Amino acid sequence: MSNYQSILVEKRDKVAIITINRPDKLNSLNKTVHAEGVAALDELRADDSVRVVVITGAGEKAFIAGADISEFADATPVSQRDLFQQRSFFNSIDVFPKPVIAMINGFCLGGGNELALACDIRIASENARFGQPEINLGIMCGGGGTQRLTQLIGEGRAMEMILTGDMIDAPTALSFGLVNHVYPLAELAEKTLALASKIAEKAPIALQLSKEAVKFASRSNLDEGLRREVDLFAICFSTEDKAEGVAAFLEKRKPDFKGK
């Protein structure tokens, strides 16, 4: 892997972990983090040994506490539009073909919450706090918060979070469906990596096609979604992994999927 200034990338068997490494800034997102995050995902996309990606923040205080506000002072409408449209970290996660899990430790605010929303699964520590406080700066969400948050938790709850800028705690986020699981901070990494490893043992092509189908469901009507699902289902039957999975089931053994 490349050497980065603001993120760390490590691999544990079939799982890659991207850590936003700016703990002195509560892992806030700046231009460097965006650029390096996109570059890391490009490398991991091409690495067939990696089947699942976990994204987290350094330290125990924050997953990502938002954007680096110091960069806002000189920002222009054009620079901000370019940052969020030209392969932003958010959208690179959203379209990444492999499953992505957000391991949320501490504050998950603004752009941090938007980054978590772009992931496929969100797992939080009990001390996590979530919010979209952009309204308090006289601005609004720009990394997908108004869209992905609304799709995930519904219009009324999303509207309240976005218009008030208030934070919610981890149990509330769980009840809203914003996160999948909440664990004590001491157990967060173990539980998250256990889930990541479990998913990583599945057939890579089936994982990719399943993710595509689920993502498509929220962006189409039911008839279009059902047609897409059938097409992707049929593609699975052309893979060596399908033959291996069926053989392993009939032979009562664990399958050895190769991603072919």
Protein backbone atom coordinates (compact mmCIF):
# COMPACT_ATOMS: atom_id res chain seq x y z
CA MET A 1 0.00 0.00 0.00
CA SER A 2 1.01 3.62 -0.54
CA ASN A 3 2.19 5.82 2.30
CA TYR A 4 -0.38 8.41 3.36
CA GLN A 5 -0.23 11.53 5.54
CA SER A 6 -3.69 11.54 7.10
CA ILE A 7 -4.91 7.97 6.93
CA LEU A 8 -3.58 4.55 7.86
CA VAL A 9 -4.30 1.40 5.88
CA GLU A 10 -3.70 -2.09 7.21
CA LYS A 11 -4.80 -5.55 6.13
CA ARG A 12 -5.85 -8.38 8.42
CA ASP A 13 -6.36 -11.46 6.33
CA LYS A 14 -9.22 -10.59 3.94
CA VAL A 15 -10.23 -7.38 5.71
CA ALA A 16 -8.66 -3.95 5.13
CA ILE A 17 -8.94 -1.22 7.75
CA ILE A 18 -8.78 2.46 6.79
CA THR A 19 -8.18 4.70 9.82
CA ILE A 20 -8.63 8.47 9.59
CA ASN A 21 -5.51 9.47 11.51
CA ARG A 22 -5.98 13.05 12.73
CA PRO A 23 -6.83 12.49 16.41
CA ASP A 24 -5.62 15.97 17.40
CA LYS A 25 -8.32 17.35 15.06
CA LEU A 26 -10.91 14.73 16.09
CA ASN A 27 -10.25 13.13 12.69
CA SER A 28 -11.94 15.98 10.85
CA LEU A 29 -12.12 15.70 7.08
CA ASN A 30 -9.87 17.96 5.03
CA LYS A 31 -8.86 17.92 1.37
CA THR A 32 -5.98 15.58 2.08
CA VAL A 33 -8.21 13.02 3.79
CA HIS A 34 -10.63 13.12 0.88
CA ALA A 35 -7.87 12.64 -1.70
CA GLU A 36 -6.10 9.91 0.25
CA GLY A 37 -9.35 8.10 1.03
CA VAL A 38 -10.21 7.97 -2.66
CA ALA A 39 -6.69 6.76 -3.51
CA ALA A 40 -6.79 4.04 -0.83
CA LEU A 41 -10.12 2.75 -2.06
CA ASP A 42 -8.73 2.60 -5.60
CA GLU A 43 -5.88 0.42 -4.36
CA LEU A 44 -8.18 -1.81 -2.33
CA ARG A 45 -10.59 -2.17 -5.23
CA ALA A 46 -7.79 -3.72 -7.29
CA ASP A 47 -6.55 -5.95 -4.45
CA ASP A 48 -8.29 -9.32 -4.81
CA SER A 49 -7.03 -10.43 -1.40
CA VAL A 50 -9.25 -7.79 0.24
CA ARG A 51 -12.93 -8.66 0.41
CA VAL A 52 -14.26 -6.24 3.05
CA VAL A 53 -13.19 -2.74 4.10
CA VAL A 54 -13.64 -1.23 7.58
CA ILE A 55 -13.38 2.55 8.06
CA THR A 56 -12.75 4.06 11.49
CA GLY A 57 -11.14 7.01 13.26
CA ALA A 58 -7.99 7.12 15.37
CA GLY A 59 -8.39 7.30 19.14
CA GLU A 60 -11.49 6.91 21.31
CA LYS A 61 -13.02 10.38 21.10
CA ALA A 62 -14.12 10.58 17.50
CA PHE A 63 -14.90 8.57 14.40
CA ILE A 64 -14.95 11.80 12.39
CA ALA A 65 -16.13 15.00 14.10
CA GLY A 66 -16.98 16.69 10.80
CA ALA A 67 -15.23 18.77 8.20
CA ASP A 68 -12.08 20.72 8.98
CA ILE A 69 -13.73 24.11 9.45
CA SER A 70 -10.41 25.92 9.05
CA GLU A 71 -10.61 25.17 5.33
CA PHE A 72 -13.99 26.90 5.05
CA ALA A 73 -12.60 30.40 5.50
CA ASP A 74 -11.09 30.56 2.02
CA ALA A 75 -13.55 28.19 0.35
CA THR A 76 -15.51 29.40 -2.65
CA PRO A 77 -18.69 28.00 -4.19
CA VAL A 78 -16.63 26.58 -7.05
CA SER A 79 -13.99 24.97 -4.81
CA GLN A 80 -16.63 23.32 -2.63
CA ARG A 81 -18.60 22.08 -5.61
CA ASP A 82 -15.44 20.62 -7.14
CA LEU A 83 -14.45 18.92 -3.87
CA PHE A 84 -17.77 17.15 -3.52
CA GLN A 85 -18.36 16.33 -7.18
CA GLN A 86 -14.92 15.16 -8.33
CA ARG A 87 -14.79 11.67 -6.83
CA SER A 88 -15.39 12.66 -3.22
CA PHE A 89 -14.54 10.21 -0.45
CA PHE A 90 -18.29 9.87 0.24
CA ASN A 91 -19.23 8.83 -3.27
CA SER A 92 -16.16 6.62 -3.67
CA ILE A 93 -17.39 4.63 -0.66
CA ASP A 94 -20.92 4.52 -2.01
CA VAL A 95 -19.89 3.01 -5.36
CA PHE A 96 -17.10 0.80 -3.96
CA PRO A 97 -17.94 -2.76 -5.10
CA LYS A 98 -16.87 -4.52 -1.89
CA PRO A 99 -18.74 -4.27 1.42
CA VAL A 100 -17.72 -1.30 3.58
CA ILE A 101 -18.34 -1.16 7.33
CA ALA A 102 -18.12 2.01 9.43
CA MET A 103 -16.66 1.32 12.89
CA ILE A 104 -17.89 4.39 14.75
CA ASN A 105 -15.97 5.34 17.88
CA GLY A 106 -17.11 8.61 19.49
CA PHE A 107 -18.29 11.71 17.64
CA CYS A 108 -19.79 11.10 14.20
CA LEU A 109 -20.84 14.54 13.07
CA GLY A 110 -21.40 16.46 9.86
CA GLY A 111 -19.18 15.03 7.15
CA GLY A 112 -18.34 12.16 9.49
CA ASN A 113 -21.98 11.13 9.69
CA GLU A 114 -22.27 11.54 5.93
CA LEU A 115 -19.25 9.30 5.44
CA ALA A 116 -20.78 6.68 7.74
CA LEU A 117 -24.04 6.92 5.79
CA ALA A 118 -22.16 6.12 2.58
CA CYS A 119 -20.96 2.84 4.12
CA ASP A 120 -23.01 -0.35 3.87
CA ILE A 121 -23.11 -1.23 7.58
CA ARG A 122 -22.58 0.99 10.63
CA ILE A 123 -21.44 -0.32 14.03
CA ALA A 124 -21.10 2.11 16.93
CA SER A 125 -19.60 2.29 20.39
CA GLU A 126 -21.83 3.22 23.31
CA ASN A 127 -20.14 6.64 23.54
CA ALA A 128 -20.86 7.50 19.89
CA ARG A 129 -22.78 10.67 19.12
CA PHE A 130 -24.37 11.45 15.76
CA GLY A 131 -25.48 14.69 14.17
CA GLN A 132 -25.61 17.04 11.19
CA PRO A 133 -24.67 20.38 12.78
CA GLU A 134 -24.03 22.26 9.52
CA ILE A 135 -27.10 24.46 10.15
CA ASN A 136 -25.26 26.01 13.11
CA LEU A 137 -22.63 27.38 10.72
CA GLY A 138 -25.22 28.89 8.41
CA ILE A 139 -24.78 26.16 5.82
CA MET A 140 -26.31 22.77 5.04
CA CYS A 141 -25.22 19.20 4.36
CA GLY A 142 -23.11 18.76 1.23
CA GLY A 143 -21.87 15.17 1.43
CA GLY A 144 -25.17 13.38 1.01
CA GLY A 145 -26.71 13.96 4.45
CA THR A 146 -30.06 15.24 3.22
CA GLN A 147 -30.37 12.28 0.86
CA ARG A 148 -28.83 9.21 2.53
CA LEU A 149 -30.01 10.09 6.04
CA THR A 150 -33.57 10.56 4.79
CA GLN A 151 -33.49 7.24 2.95
CA LEU A 152 -32.16 5.47 6.02
CA ILE A 153 -34.23 6.86 8.91
CA GLY A 154 -37.18 8.58 7.22
CA GLU A 155 -38.08 12.16 6.40
CA GLY A 156 -39.36 13.28 9.80
CA ARG A 157 -36.38 12.12 11.84
CA ALA A 158 -33.88 13.30 9.22
CA MET A 159 -35.60 16.69 9.03
CA GLU A 160 -35.35 17.17 12.80
CA MET A 161 -31.67 16.20 12.95
CA ILE A 162 -30.75 18.44 10.02
CA LEU A 163 -32.86 21.48 10.96
CA THR A 164 -31.92 21.53 14.66
CA GLY A 165 -28.29 20.44 14.32
CA ASP A 166 -28.77 18.48 17.56
CA MET A 167 -26.83 15.32 18.36
CA ILE A 168 -28.38 11.93 19.15
CA ASP A 169 -26.76 9.21 21.24
CA ALA A 170 -25.94 5.66 20.17
CA PRO A 171 -29.11 4.00 21.58
CA THR A 172 -31.24 6.55 19.74
CA ALA A 173 -29.27 5.99 16.54
CA LEU A 174 -29.89 2.26 16.93
CA SER A 175 -33.63 2.78 17.45
CA PHE A 176 -33.73 5.02 14.36
CA GLY A 177 -31.97 2.39 12.24
CA LEU A 178 -29.01 4.70 11.69
CA VAL A 179 -26.64 2.03 13.02
CA ASN A 180 -26.86 -1.77 12.94
CA HIS A 181 -25.27 -2.53 16.32
CA VAL A 182 -24.02 -0.74 19.45
CA TYR A 183 -21.27 -2.20 21.65
CA PRO A 184 -19.15 -1.08 24.60
CA LEU A 185 -16.11 0.80 23.32
CA ALA A 186 -13.79 -1.94 24.59
CA GLU A 187 -15.61 -4.49 22.41
CA LEU A 188 -16.15 -2.36 19.30
CA ALA A 189 -13.11 -3.46 17.29
CA GLU A 190 -13.52 -7.12 18.15
CA LYS A 191 -17.22 -7.19 17.25
CA THR A 192 -16.78 -5.16 14.07
CA LEU A 193 -13.86 -7.21 12.77
CA ALA A 194 -15.71 -10.43 13.60
CA LEU A 195 -18.59 -9.32 11.38
CA ALA A 196 -16.19 -8.15 8.67
CA SER A 197 -14.38 -11.51 8.73
CA LYS A 198 -17.68 -13.40 8.55
CA ILE A 199 -18.72 -11.45 5.46
CA ALA A 200 -15.24 -11.83 3.94
CA GLU A 201 -15.66 -15.61 3.89
CA LYS A 202 -18.58 -15.37 1.47
CA ALA A 203 -18.28 -15.56 -2.32
CA PRO A 204 -16.78 -12.22 -3.51
CA ILE A 205 -18.83 -11.96 -6.70
CA ALA A 206 -22.05 -12.76 -4.87
CA LEU A 207 -21.16 -10.11 -2.27
CA GLN A 208 -20.60 -7.52 -4.97
CA LEU A 209 -23.79 -8.33 -6.84
CA SER A 210 -25.85 -8.45 -3.63
CA LYS A 211 -24.54 -5.03 -2.63
CA GLU A 212 -25.41 -3.67 -6.06
CA ALA A 213 -28.95 -5.03 -5.82
CA VAL A 214 -29.59 -3.62 -2.34
CA LYS A 215 -28.20 -0.20 -3.32
CA PHE A 216 -30.40 -0.23 -6.42
CA ALA A 217 -33.49 -0.87 -4.28
CA SER A 218 -33.46 2.60 -2.76
CA ARG A 219 -32.86 4.28 -6.12
CA SER A 220 -35.50 2.66 -8.28
CA ASN A 221 -39.08 1.41 -8.18
CA LEU A 222 -40.00 -2.15 -7.25
CA ASP A 223 -40.45 -3.44 -10.81
CA GLU A 224 -37.05 -2.13 -11.90
CA GLY A 225 -35.45 -3.51 -8.76
CA LEU A 226 -36.90 -6.97 -9.27
CA ARG A 227 -35.66 -7.06 -12.85
CA ARG A 228 -32.18 -6.01 -11.73
CA GLU A 229 -32.18 -8.66 -9.00
CA VAL A 230 -33.07 -11.45 -11.43
CA ASP A 231 -30.33 -10.36 -13.83
CA LEU A 232 -27.71 -10.32 -11.06
CA PHE A 233 -28.98 -13.61 -9.65
CA ALA A 234 -28.52 -15.21 -13.08
CA ILE A 235 -24.96 -13.90 -13.33
CA CYS A 236 -24.09 -15.79 -10.13
CA PHE A 237 -24.82 -19.04 -11.98
CA SER A 238 -21.94 -18.36 -14.36
CA THR A 239 -19.34 -18.32 -11.57
CA GLU A 240 -17.00 -20.99 -10.29
CA ASP A 241 -17.96 -19.93 -6.77
CA LYS A 242 -21.55 -21.00 -7.42
CA ALA A 243 -20.34 -24.49 -8.40
CA GLU A 244 -18.08 -24.59 -5.33
CA GLY A 245 -20.86 -23.41 -3.02
CA VAL A 246 -23.31 -26.03 -4.24
CA ALA A 247 -20.70 -28.79 -4.12
CA ALA A 248 -19.65 -27.82 -0.59
CA PHE A 249 -23.28 -27.85 0.57
CA LEU A 250 -23.92 -31.29 -0.89
CA GLU A 251 -20.64 -32.62 0.49
CA LYS A 252 -21.30 -31.06 3.91
CA ARG A 253 -18.06 -29.05 4.02
CA LYS A 254 -17.03 -25.42 4.18
CA PRO A 255 -16.81 -23.79 0.74
CA ASP A 256 -13.55 -22.32 -0.52
CA PHE A 257 -14.60 -19.33 -2.58
CA LYS A 258 -12.06 -17.85 -5.02
CA GLY A 259 -13.93 -14.90 -6.44
CA LYS A 260 -14.21 -16.44 -9.89
